[in-house]
C-alpha atoms as a PDB file:
ATOM      1  CA  MET A   1     125.192 110.982  41.556  1.00  0.00           C
ATOM      2  CA  THR A   2     122.036 109.414  40.152  1.00  0.00           C
ATOM      3  CA  ASP A   3     122.049 105.630  39.841  1.00  0.00           C
ATOM      4  CA  THR A   4     121.075 105.116  36.181  1.00  0.00           C
ATOM      5  CA  ARG A   5     120.892 101.371  36.632  1.00  0.00           C
ATOM      6  CA  ARG A   6     117.663 101.551  38.647  1.00  0.00           C
ATOM      7  CA  PRO A   7     114.482 102.538  36.807  1.00  0.00           C
ATOM      8  CA  PRO A   8     112.601 105.514  38.217  1.00  0.00           C
ATOM      9  CA  GLU A   9     110.129 104.687  40.979  1.00  0.00           C
ATOM     10  CA  VAL A  10     107.174 105.547  38.765  1.00  0.00           C
ATOM     11  CA  ASP A  11     108.411 103.156  36.054  1.00  0.00           C
ATOM     12  CA  ARG A  12     108.796 100.317  38.557  1.00  0.00           C
ATOM     13  CA  ALA A  13     105.264 100.948  39.793  1.00  0.00           C
ATOM     14  CA  ALA A  14     103.923 100.931  36.250  1.00  0.00           C
ATOM     15  CA  ALA A  15     105.805  97.715  35.485  1.00  0.00           C
ATOM     16  CA  SER A  16     104.339  96.133  38.597  1.00  0.00           C
ATOM     17  CA  ARG A  17     100.816  97.098  37.538  1.00  0.00           C
ATOM     18  CA  ARG A  18     101.398  95.655  34.076  1.00  0.00           C
ATOM     19  CA  ALA A  19     102.685  92.419  35.572  1.00  0.00           C
ATOM     20  CA  VAL A  20      99.609  92.126  37.813  1.00  0.00           C
ATOM     21  CA  ALA A  21      97.299  92.823  34.848  1.00  0.00           C
ATOM     22  CA  ALA A  22      99.081  90.184  32.752  1.00  0.00           C
ATOM     23  CA  ARG A  23      98.727  87.600  35.539  1.00  0.00           C
ATOM     24  CA  ARG A  24      95.029  88.373  35.791  1.00  0.00           C
ATOM     25  CA  GLU A  25      94.591  87.985  32.038  1.00  0.00           C
ATOM     26  CA  ARG A  26      96.382  84.635  32.085  1.00  0.00           C
ATOM     27  CA  ALA A  27      94.203  83.523  35.008  1.00  0.00           C
ATOM     28  CA  ALA A  28      91.084  84.578  33.089  1.00  0.00           C
ATOM     29  CA  LEU A  29      92.248  82.646  30.011  1.00  0.00           C
ATOM     30  CA  LYS A  30      92.873  79.511  32.091  1.00  0.00           C
ATOM     31  CA  ASN A  31      89.420  79.892  33.609  1.00  0.00           C
ATOM     32  CA  ASP A  32      87.883  80.266  30.140  1.00  0.00           C
ATOM     33  CA  VAL A  33      89.546  77.039  29.015  1.00  0.00           C
ATOM     34  CA  ALA A  34      88.533  75.237  32.203  1.00  0.00           C
ATOM     35  CA  THR A  35      84.908  76.353  31.784  1.00  0.00           C
ATOM     36  CA  ARG A  36      85.093  75.605  28.038  1.00  0.00           C
ATOM     37  CA  VAL A  37      84.304  79.155  26.930  1.00  0.00           C
ATOM     38  CA  ILE A  38      87.223  78.719  24.557  1.00  0.00           C
ATOM     39  CA  THR A  39      88.781  75.481  23.341  1.00  0.00           C
ATOM     40  CA  PRO A  40      92.379  74.554  24.177  1.00  0.00           C
ATOM     41  CA  GLN A  41      93.096  74.734  20.451  1.00  0.00           C
ATOM     42  CA  GLU A  42      91.848  78.336  20.343  1.00  0.00           C
ATOM     43  CA  LEU A  43      94.075  79.364  23.256  1.00  0.00           C
ATOM     44  CA  LEU A  44      97.078  77.726  21.591  1.00  0.00           C
ATOM     45  CA  ARG A  45      96.263  79.513  18.326  1.00  0.00           C
ATOM     46  CA  ARG A  46      96.180  82.889  20.105  1.00  0.00           C
ATOM     47  CA  ALA A  47      99.491  82.140  21.817  1.00  0.00           C
ATOM     48  CA  LEU A  48     101.258  81.195  18.603  1.00  0.00           C
ATOM     49  CA  GLU A  49      99.876  84.160  16.652  1.00  0.00           C
ATOM     50  CA  HIS A  50     100.784  86.653  19.404  1.00  0.00           C
ATOM     51  CA  PRO A  51     103.719  85.317  21.459  1.00  0.00           C
ATOM     52  CA  GLU A  52     103.907  88.528  23.538  1.00  0.00           C
ATOM     53  CA  SER A  53     100.246  88.338  24.571  1.00  0.00           C
ATOM     54  CA  PRO A  54      99.060  86.908  27.918  1.00  0.00           C
ATOM     55  CA  ALA A  55      98.233  83.688  26.051  1.00  0.00           C
ATOM     56  CA  GLY A  56     101.731  83.546  24.574  1.00  0.00           C
ATOM     57  CA  ALA A  57     103.327  84.232  27.968  1.00  0.00           C
ATOM     58  CA  MET A  58     101.474  81.348  29.628  1.00  0.00           C
ATOM     59  CA  ARG A  59     103.725  78.471  30.626  1.00  0.00           C
ATOM     60  CA  VAL A  60     102.838  75.145  29.053  1.00  0.00           C
ATOM     61  CA  THR A  61     102.495  73.697  32.580  1.00  0.00           C
ATOM     62  CA  GLU A  62      99.778  76.260  33.412  1.00  0.00           C
ATOM     63  CA  PHE A  63      98.039  75.549  30.147  1.00  0.00           C
ATOM     64  CA  LEU A  64      97.877  71.790  30.637  1.00  0.00           C
ATOM     65  CA  THR A  65      96.657  71.892  34.250  1.00  0.00           C
ATOM     66  CA  ALA A  66      93.834  74.214  33.160  1.00  0.00           C
ATOM     67  CA  LEU A  67      92.472  71.399  30.996  1.00  0.00           C
ATOM     68  CA  PRO A  68      89.793  69.067  32.392  1.00  0.00           C
ATOM     69  CA  ALA A  69      91.094  66.024  34.285  1.00  0.00           C
ATOM     70  CA  ILE A  70      94.775  66.999  33.912  1.00  0.00           C
ATOM     71  CA  GLY A  71      96.614  67.042  37.231  1.00  0.00           C
ATOM     72  CA  GLU A  72     100.303  67.649  37.862  1.00  0.00           C
ATOM     73  CA  GLY A  73     101.274  63.988  37.505  1.00  0.00           C
ATOM     74  CA  LYS A  74      99.473  63.543  34.206  1.00  0.00           C
ATOM     75  CA  ARG A  75     100.763  66.934  33.027  1.00  0.00           C
ATOM     76  CA  ASP A  76     104.389  65.878  33.580  1.00  0.00           C
ATOM     77  CA  ARG A  77     103.852  62.587  31.707  1.00  0.00           C
ATOM     78  CA  ILE A  78     102.310  64.473  28.779  1.00  0.00           C
ATOM     79  CA  LEU A  79     105.239  66.899  28.606  1.00  0.00           C
ATOM     80  CA  ALA A  80     107.696  64.007  28.697  1.00  0.00           C
ATOM     81  CA  ASP A  81     105.843  62.185  25.918  1.00  0.00           C
ATOM     82  CA  LEU A  82     105.708  65.341  23.787  1.00  0.00           C
ATOM     83  CA  GLN A  83     109.335  66.222  24.628  1.00  0.00           C
ATOM     84  CA  ILE A  84     108.417  69.731  25.772  1.00  0.00           C
ATOM     85  CA  SER A  85     110.324  71.392  28.599  1.00  0.00           C
ATOM     86  CA  PRO A  86     108.108  72.481  31.538  1.00  0.00           C
ATOM     87  CA  VAL A  87     109.708  75.939  31.493  1.00  0.00           C
ATOM     88  CA  LYS A  88     108.492  76.600  27.940  1.00  0.00           C
ATOM     89  CA  ARG A  89     105.873  79.268  27.286  1.00  0.00           C
ATOM     90  CA  LEU A  90     103.138  78.634  24.728  1.00  0.00           C
ATOM     91  CA  GLY A  91     104.302  81.481  22.527  1.00  0.00           C
ATOM     92  CA  GLY A  92     107.866  80.150  22.515  1.00  0.00           C
ATOM     93  CA  LEU A  93     107.181  76.601  21.358  1.00  0.00           C
ATOM     94  CA  GLY A  94     109.234  75.396  18.420  1.00  0.00           C
ATOM     95  CA  VAL A  95     107.676  74.043  15.240  1.00  0.00           C
ATOM     96  CA  ARG A  96     108.035  70.408  16.314  1.00  0.00           C
ATOM     97  CA  GLN A  97     106.698  71.135  19.796  1.00  0.00           C
ATOM     98  CA  ARG A  98     103.664  73.089  18.633  1.00  0.00           C
ATOM     99  CA  THR A  99     102.854  70.378  16.073  1.00  0.00           C
ATOM    100  CA  ALA A 100     103.085  67.680  18.744  1.00  0.00           C
ATOM    101  CA  LEU A 101     100.947  69.665  21.207  1.00  0.00           C
ATOM    102  CA  GLN A 102      98.336  70.468  18.548  1.00  0.00           C
ATOM    103  CA  ALA A 103      98.087  66.800  17.558  1.00  0.00           C
ATOM    104  CA  TRP A 104      97.702  65.752  21.205  1.00  0.00           C
ATOM    105  CA  LEU A 105      94.946  68.350  21.752  1.00  0.00           C
ATOM    106  CA  ASP A 106      93.045  67.244  18.658  1.00  0.00           C
ATOM    107  CA  THR A 107      93.186  63.634  19.894  1.00  0.00           C
ATOM    108  CA  ARG A 108      92.196  64.483  23.470  1.00  0.00           C
ATOM    109  CA  PHE A 109      89.622  67.163  22.588  1.00  0.00           C
ATOM    110  CA  PRO A 110      88.573  66.337  19.020  1.00  0.00           C
ATOM    111  CA  PRO A 111      86.819  69.241  17.260  1.00  0.00           C
ATOM    112  CA  ARG A 112      83.514  68.381  15.619  1.00  0.00           C
ATOM    113  CA  ALA A 113      83.700  68.606  11.848  1.00  0.00           C
ATOM    114  CA  ALA A 114      81.032  70.867  10.331  1.00  0.00           C
ATOM    115  CA  ARG A 115      78.626  68.965   8.117  1.00  0.00           C
ATOM    116  CA  PRO A 116      78.511  70.004   4.464  1.00  0.00           C
ATOM    117  CA  GLY A 117      75.320  71.120   2.782  1.00  0.00           C
ATOM    118  CA  ARG A 118      72.577  73.487   3.778  1.00  0.00           C
ATOM    119  CA  SER A 119      69.817  72.961   6.317  1.00  0.00           C
ATOM    120  CA  ARG A 120      66.645  75.034   6.507  1.00  0.00           C
ATOM    121  CA  LEU A 121      66.348  74.315  10.234  1.00  0.00           C
ATOM    122  CA  LEU A 122      68.849  76.217  12.376  1.00  0.00           C
ATOM    123  CA  VAL A 123      69.117  75.607  16.112  1.00  0.00           C
ATOM    124  CA  LEU A 124      70.705  78.338  18.246  1.00  0.00           C
ATOM    125  CA  ALA A 125      71.596  77.300  21.785  1.00  0.00           C
ATOM    126  CA  GLY A 126      74.090  78.311  24.448  1.00  0.00           C
ATOM    127  CA  PRO A 127      74.501  78.957  28.160  1.00  0.00           C
ATOM    128  CA  THR A 128      72.216  81.163  30.197  1.00  0.00           C
ATOM    129  CA  ALA A 129      72.724  84.943  29.796  1.00  0.00           C
ATOM    130  CA  VAL A 130      74.852  84.517  26.653  1.00  0.00           C
ATOM    131  CA  GLY A 131      72.367  86.640  24.697  1.00  0.00           C
ATOM    132  CA  LYS A 132      70.574  84.030  22.592  1.00  0.00           C
ATOM    133  CA  GLY A 133      67.321  86.006  22.637  1.00  0.00           C
ATOM    134  CA  THR A 134      69.028  89.265  21.689  1.00  0.00           C
ATOM    135  CA  VAL A 135      70.898  87.677  18.778  1.00  0.00           C
ATOM    136  CA  ALA A 136      67.737  85.868  17.610  1.00  0.00           C
ATOM    137  CA  ALA A 137      65.726  89.126  17.770  1.00  0.00           C
ATOM    138  CA  HIS A 138      68.389  90.897  15.689  1.00  0.00           C
ATOM    139  CA  ILE A 139      68.139  88.139  13.083  1.00  0.00           C
ATOM    140  CA  ARG A 140      64.340  88.475  13.062  1.00  0.00           C
ATOM    141  CA  ASP A 141      64.558  92.248  12.562  1.00  0.00           C
ATOM    142  CA  HIS A 142      67.349  92.298   9.964  1.00  0.00           C
ATOM    143  CA  HIS A 143      66.989  89.006   8.107  1.00  0.00           C
ATOM    144  CA  PRO A 144      63.311  88.669   7.180  1.00  0.00           C
ATOM    145  CA  GLU A 145      64.072  85.628   5.027  1.00  0.00           C
ATOM    146  CA  ILE A 146      64.604  83.681   8.274  1.00  0.00           C
ATOM    147  CA  HIS A 147      61.551  82.725  10.328  1.00  0.00           C
ATOM    148  CA  LEU A 148      62.179  82.958  14.087  1.00  0.00           C
ATOM    149  CA  SER A 149      60.235  80.336  15.990  1.00  0.00           C
ATOM    150  CA  VAL A 150      58.428  81.567  19.126  1.00  0.00           C
ATOM    151  CA  SER A 151      58.629  79.205  22.094  1.00  0.00           C
ATOM    152  CA  ALA A 152      55.981  78.479  24.690  1.00  0.00           C
ATOM    153  CA  THR A 153      56.937  78.822  28.349  1.00  0.00           C
ATOM    154  CA  THR A 154      55.396  78.536  31.778  1.00  0.00           C
ATOM    155  CA  ARG A 155      57.556  81.303  33.237  1.00  0.00           C
ATOM    156  CA  PRO A 156      56.034  84.756  33.730  1.00  0.00           C
ATOM    157  CA  PRO A 157      56.979  87.490  31.230  1.00  0.00           C
ATOM    158  CA  ARG A 158      59.875  89.797  32.032  1.00  0.00           C
ATOM    159  CA  PRO A 159      59.489  93.560  31.656  1.00  0.00           C
ATOM    160  CA  GLY A 160      59.049  94.445  27.970  1.00  0.00           C
ATOM    161  CA  GLU A 161      58.194  90.930  26.818  1.00  0.00           C
ATOM    162  CA  ALA A 162      54.993  90.478  24.792  1.00  0.00           C
ATOM    163  CA  HIS A 163      52.879  87.348  24.390  1.00  0.00           C
ATOM    164  CA  GLY A 164      53.212  85.870  20.911  1.00  0.00           C
ATOM    165  CA  GLU A 165      56.262  87.988  20.078  1.00  0.00           C
ATOM    166  CA  HIS A 166      58.883  86.912  22.581  1.00  0.00           C
ATOM    167  CA  TYR A 167      57.141  83.815  23.947  1.00  0.00           C
ATOM    168  CA  PHE A 168      53.742  82.216  24.196  1.00  0.00           C
ATOM    169  CA  PHE A 169      53.175  82.556  27.936  1.00  0.00           C
ATOM    170  CA  VAL A 170      51.019  79.660  29.121  1.00  0.00           C
ATOM    171  CA  ASP A 171      50.163  78.013  32.429  1.00  0.00           C
ATOM    172  CA  ASP A 172      51.085  74.453  33.382  1.00  0.00           C
ATOM    173  CA  ALA A 173      47.698  73.060  32.386  1.00  0.00           C
ATOM    174  CA  GLU A 174      47.965  74.464  28.848  1.00  0.00           C
ATOM    175  CA  PHE A 175      51.564  73.259  28.558  1.00  0.00           C
ATOM    176  CA  ASP A 176      50.458  69.753  29.570  1.00  0.00           C
ATOM    177  CA  ARG A 177      47.705  69.896  26.933  1.00  0.00           C
ATOM    178  CA  MET A 178      50.194  70.888  24.225  1.00  0.00           C
ATOM    179  CA  ILE A 179      52.453  67.949  25.133  1.00  0.00           C
ATOM    180  CA  ALA A 180      49.548  65.481  25.171  1.00  0.00           C
ATOM    181  CA  ALA A 181      48.316  66.751  21.794  1.00  0.00           C
ATOM    182  CA  GLY A 182      51.778  66.338  20.222  1.00  0.00           C
ATOM    183  CA  GLU A 183      51.960  70.052  19.412  1.00  0.00           C
ATOM    184  CA  LEU A 184      55.566  70.543  20.578  1.00  0.00           C
ATOM    185  CA  LEU A 185      58.686  69.664  18.597  1.00  0.00           C
ATOM    186  CA  GLU A 186      60.669  69.666  21.835  1.00  0.00           C
ATOM    187  CA  HIS A 187      60.128  70.632  25.454  1.00  0.00           C
ATOM    188  CA  ALA A 188      62.188  70.703  28.620  1.00  0.00           C
ATOM    189  CA  THR A 189      62.311  71.982  32.174  1.00  0.00           C
ATOM    190  CA  VAL A 190      65.035  74.622  32.416  1.00  0.00           C
ATOM    191  CA  HIS A 191      66.949  75.492  35.612  1.00  0.00           C
ATOM    192  CA  ASN A 192      64.713  73.012  37.456  1.00  0.00           C
ATOM    193  CA  ARG A 193      61.946  75.555  37.417  1.00  0.00           C
ATOM    194  CA  TYR A 194      60.006  76.565  34.294  1.00  0.00           C
ATOM    195  CA  ARG A 195      59.119  74.617  31.171  1.00  0.00           C
ATOM    196  CA  TYR A 196      59.846  75.660  27.604  1.00  0.00           C
ATOM    197  CA  GLY A 197      58.721  74.119  24.344  1.00  0.00           C
ATOM    198  CA  THR A 198      58.675  74.748  20.579  1.00  0.00           C
ATOM    199  CA  PRO A 199      55.271  74.609  18.814  1.00  0.00           C
ATOM    200  CA  LYS A 200      55.508  72.499  15.650  1.00  0.00           C
ATOM    201  CA  ASP A 201      52.761  74.000  13.505  1.00  0.00           C
ATOM    202  CA  PRO A 202      54.410  77.408  12.759  1.00  0.00           C
ATOM    203  CA  ILE A 203      57.664  75.615  11.908  1.00  0.00           C
ATOM    204  CA  ASP A 204      55.968  73.201   9.521  1.00  0.00           C
ATOM    205  CA  ARG A 205      54.195  76.076   7.756  1.00  0.00           C
ATOM    206  CA  ALA A 206      57.399  78.106   7.340  1.00  0.00           C
ATOM    207  CA  LEU A 207      59.361  75.118   6.042  1.00  0.00           C
ATOM    208  CA  ALA A 208      56.544  74.318   3.601  1.00  0.00           C
ATOM    209  CA  GLN A 209      56.935  77.863   2.249  1.00  0.00           C
ATOM    210  CA  GLY A 210      60.628  77.230   1.630  1.00  0.00           C
ATOM    211  CA  ARG A 211      61.820  79.519   4.437  1.00  0.00           C
ATOM    212  CA  THR A 212      64.680  78.894   6.837  1.00  0.00           C
ATOM    213  CA  VAL A 213      63.549  78.490  10.446  1.00  0.00           C
ATOM    214  CA  LEU A 214      65.635  79.519  13.456  1.00  0.00           C
ATOM    215  CA  LEU A 215      64.968  77.892  16.828  1.00  0.00           C
ATOM    216  CA  GLU A 216      66.400  79.744  19.833  1.00  0.00           C
ATOM    217  CA  ILE A 217      66.263  77.075  22.529  1.00  0.00           C
ATOM    218  CA  ASP A 218      68.176  75.548  25.436  1.00  0.00           C
ATOM    219  CA  LEU A 219      70.621  72.631  25.328  1.00  0.00           C
ATOM    220  CA  GLN A 220      68.030  69.974  26.212  1.00  0.00           C
ATOM    221  CA  GLY A 221      65.767  71.186  23.416  1.00  0.00           C
ATOM    222  CA  ALA A 222      68.644  71.277  20.928  1.00  0.00           C
ATOM    223  CA  ARG A 223      69.393  67.635  21.645  1.00  0.00           C
ATOM    224  CA  GLN A 224      65.737  66.692  21.151  1.00  0.00           C
ATOM    225  CA  VAL A 225      65.553  68.570  17.847  1.00  0.00           C
ATOM    226  CA  HIS A 226      68.741  66.904  16.656  1.00  0.00           C
ATOM    227  CA  ALA A 227      67.262  63.486  17.483  1.00  0.00           C
ATOM    228  CA  ALA A 228      63.998  64.311  15.670  1.00  0.00           C
ATOM    229  CA  ALA A 229      65.636  66.147  12.732  1.00  0.00           C
ATOM    230  CA  PRO A 230      69.255  64.990  12.279  1.00  0.00           C
ATOM    231  CA  ASP A 231      69.722  67.345   9.316  1.00  0.00           C
ATOM    232  CA  ALA A 232      69.176  70.413  11.557  1.00  0.00           C
ATOM    233  CA  LEU A 233      72.220  72.679  11.806  1.00  0.00           C
ATOM    234  CA  LEU A 234      73.296  73.177  15.428  1.00  0.00           C
ATOM    235  CA  VAL A 235      74.903  76.519  16.372  1.00  0.00           C
ATOM    236  CA  PHE A 236      76.330  77.147  19.857  1.00  0.00           C
ATOM    237  CA  LEU A 237      76.516  80.768  21.042  1.00  0.00           C
ATOM    238  CA  LEU A 238      79.488  81.519  23.289  1.00  0.00           C
ATOM    239  CA  PRO A 239      80.278  84.498  25.532  1.00  0.00           C
ATOM    240  CA  PRO A 240      83.582  86.312  24.971  1.00  0.00           C
ATOM    241  CA  SER A 241      84.710  85.036  28.399  1.00  0.00           C
ATOM    242  CA  TRP A 242      83.374  83.460  31.583  1.00  0.00           C
ATOM    243  CA  ASP A 243      83.755  86.773  33.443  1.00  0.00           C
ATOM    244  CA  GLU A 244      81.657  88.494  30.765  1.00  0.00           C
ATOM    245  CA  LEU A 245      78.945  85.842  31.124  1.00  0.00           C
ATOM    246  CA  VAL A 246      78.800  86.421  34.885  1.00  0.00           C
ATOM    247  CA  GLN A 247      78.605  90.191  34.373  1.00  0.00           C
ATOM    248  CA  ARG A 248      75.759  89.830  31.863  1.00  0.00           C
ATOM    249  CA  LEU A 249      73.767  87.656  34.240  1.00  0.00           C
ATOM    250  CA  VAL A 250      74.308  89.995  37.186  1.00  0.00           C
ATOM    251  CA  GLY A 251      73.795  93.124  35.084  1.00  0.00           C
ATOM    252  CA  ARG A 252      70.376  92.222  33.717  1.00  0.00           C
ATOM    253  CA  GLY A 253      69.006  92.052  37.270  1.00  0.00           C
ATOM    254  CA  THR A 254      66.140  89.688  36.487  1.00  0.00           C
ATOM    255  CA  GLU A 255      67.164  86.951  38.956  1.00  0.00           C
ATOM    256  CA  ASP A 256      67.855  86.923  42.675  1.00  0.00           C
ATOM    257  CA  ALA A 257      71.168  85.673  44.090  1.00  0.00           C
ATOM    258  CA  GLU A 258      69.954  82.094  44.501  1.00  0.00           C
ATOM    259  CA  GLU A 259      68.645  81.949  40.941  1.00  0.00           C
ATOM    260  CA  ARG A 260      71.883  83.473  39.566  1.00  0.00           C
ATOM    261  CA  ALA A 261      73.952  80.826  41.365  1.00  0.00           C
ATOM    262  CA  ARG A 262      71.729  78.079  39.953  1.00  0.00           C
ATOM    263  CA  ARG A 263      72.003  79.470  36.423  1.00  0.00           C
ATOM    264  CA  LEU A 264      75.787  79.824  36.589  1.00  0.00           C
ATOM    265  CA  LYS A 265      76.099  76.226  37.732  1.00  0.00           C
ATOM    266  CA  THR A 266      73.917  75.175  34.804  1.00  0.00           C
ATOM    267  CA  ALA A 267      75.979  77.356  32.437  1.00  0.00           C
ATOM    268  CA  LYS A 268      79.151  75.398  33.233  1.00  0.00           C
ATOM    269  CA  HIS A 269      77.433  72.158  32.239  1.00  0.00           C
ATOM    270  CA  GLU A 270      76.018  73.792  29.103  1.00  0.00           C
ATOM    271  CA  LEU A 271      79.417  75.090  28.003  1.00  0.00           C
ATOM    272  CA  ALA A 272      80.829  71.582  28.284  1.00  0.00           C
ATOM    273  CA  ALA A 273      78.380  70.434  25.583  1.00  0.00           C
ATOM    274  CA  GLN A 274      79.521  72.791  22.822  1.00  0.00           C
ATOM    275  CA  ALA A 275      81.433  70.002  21.057  1.00  0.00           C
ATOM    276  CA  GLU A 276      78.049  68.470  20.173  1.00  0.00           C
ATOM    277  CA  PHE A 277      77.322  71.408  17.857  1.00  0.00           C
ATOM    278  CA  ASP A 278      78.236  71.986  14.222  1.00  0.00           C
ATOM    279  CA  TYR A 279      79.317  75.612  14.634  1.00  0.00           C
ATOM    280  CA  ARG A 280      80.352  77.923  17.461  1.00  0.00           C
ATOM    281  CA  VAL A 281      79.747  81.676  17.321  1.00  0.00           C
ATOM    282  CA  VAL A 282      81.108  84.160  19.881  1.00  0.00           C
ATOM    283  CA  ASN A 283      78.637  86.840  20.938  1.00  0.00           C
ATOM    284  CA  ASP A 284      81.086  89.696  21.403  1.00  0.00           C
ATOM    285  CA  ASP A 285      78.959  91.963  19.219  1.00  0.00           C
ATOM    286  CA  VAL A 286      75.262  91.283  18.635  1.00  0.00           C
ATOM    287  CA  ALA A 287      75.123  92.466  15.016  1.00  0.00           C
ATOM    288  CA  ARG A 288      78.264  90.557  14.045  1.00  0.00           C
ATOM    289  CA  ALA A 289      77.148  87.364  15.809  1.00  0.00           C
ATOM    290  CA  ALA A 290      73.677  87.612  14.231  1.00  0.00           C
ATOM    291  CA  ALA A 291      75.195  88.067  10.774  1.00  0.00           C
ATOM    292  CA  GLU A 292      77.430  85.042  11.302  1.00  0.00           C
ATOM    293  CA  VAL A 293      74.474  82.851  12.322  1.00  0.00           C
ATOM    294  CA  ALA A 294      72.338  84.142   9.449  1.00  0.00           C
ATOM    295  CA  ALA A 295      75.135  83.429   6.972  1.00  0.00           C
ATOM    296  CA  LEU A 296      74.973  79.750   7.895  1.00  0.00           C
ATOM    297  CA  ALA A 297      71.476  79.655   6.429  1.00  0.00           C
ATOM    298  CA  ARG A 298      72.872  80.773   3.077  1.00  0.00           C
END
């Protein structure tokens, strides 16, 4: 007689594979929160909208310990203060519990409120390998009303890059001259190696013509522009996940292993600064991300 109480062997194997995949997805989500690819509020939103998803199945204890500077002791005190059981899953929180957790998150990790009004100076920044250049090039090609600023750099051109189109490729002596002459709106040394800067004259001309100007620069440059032009609109470009960012950096094959490790370390620090920006855009599709950035100019 067949034991109908036990699922067939193939079903148990499939269930085991699904369980492993779900654990991996939860681990990836925790990593994305820890590296600030997504905000804790975004992960909670996903969990509440889709309780059966990996986000919804995550225990509240896992969620809290994935947050910066939250250890087990602090986690337990938070749960006690919020009156949330440690066995609860994010997708199973009651109305009072989700409200309490949301309020605590907004106090601990306050989201930056977008400034009203329109700025004709857009700053696009983000971590290494997130695709800032690709998104900026798509905006240049499909939104001619927006002027894309071309940066100067001391690094050598990569295959396919043209002087004056992708960058102004200059040597250190010329870069020093540009700084001394006050020709750069901002400049910085990136990845402790090469220098980048934004020439002011093309920006001034475009703004004088009433055009919107897009600066595709690094975090240091974005901070300098914000200090010099507080009305500039700051947009932070995010990868869909940390794993995707690593794959993009490895896949483009333009850096050796040592340089990749240096850039990934820098990327973690860059991701932590996204709260300084007015808007965050996820680069999961170049055309969609470009359209979202361009819409901010309108």
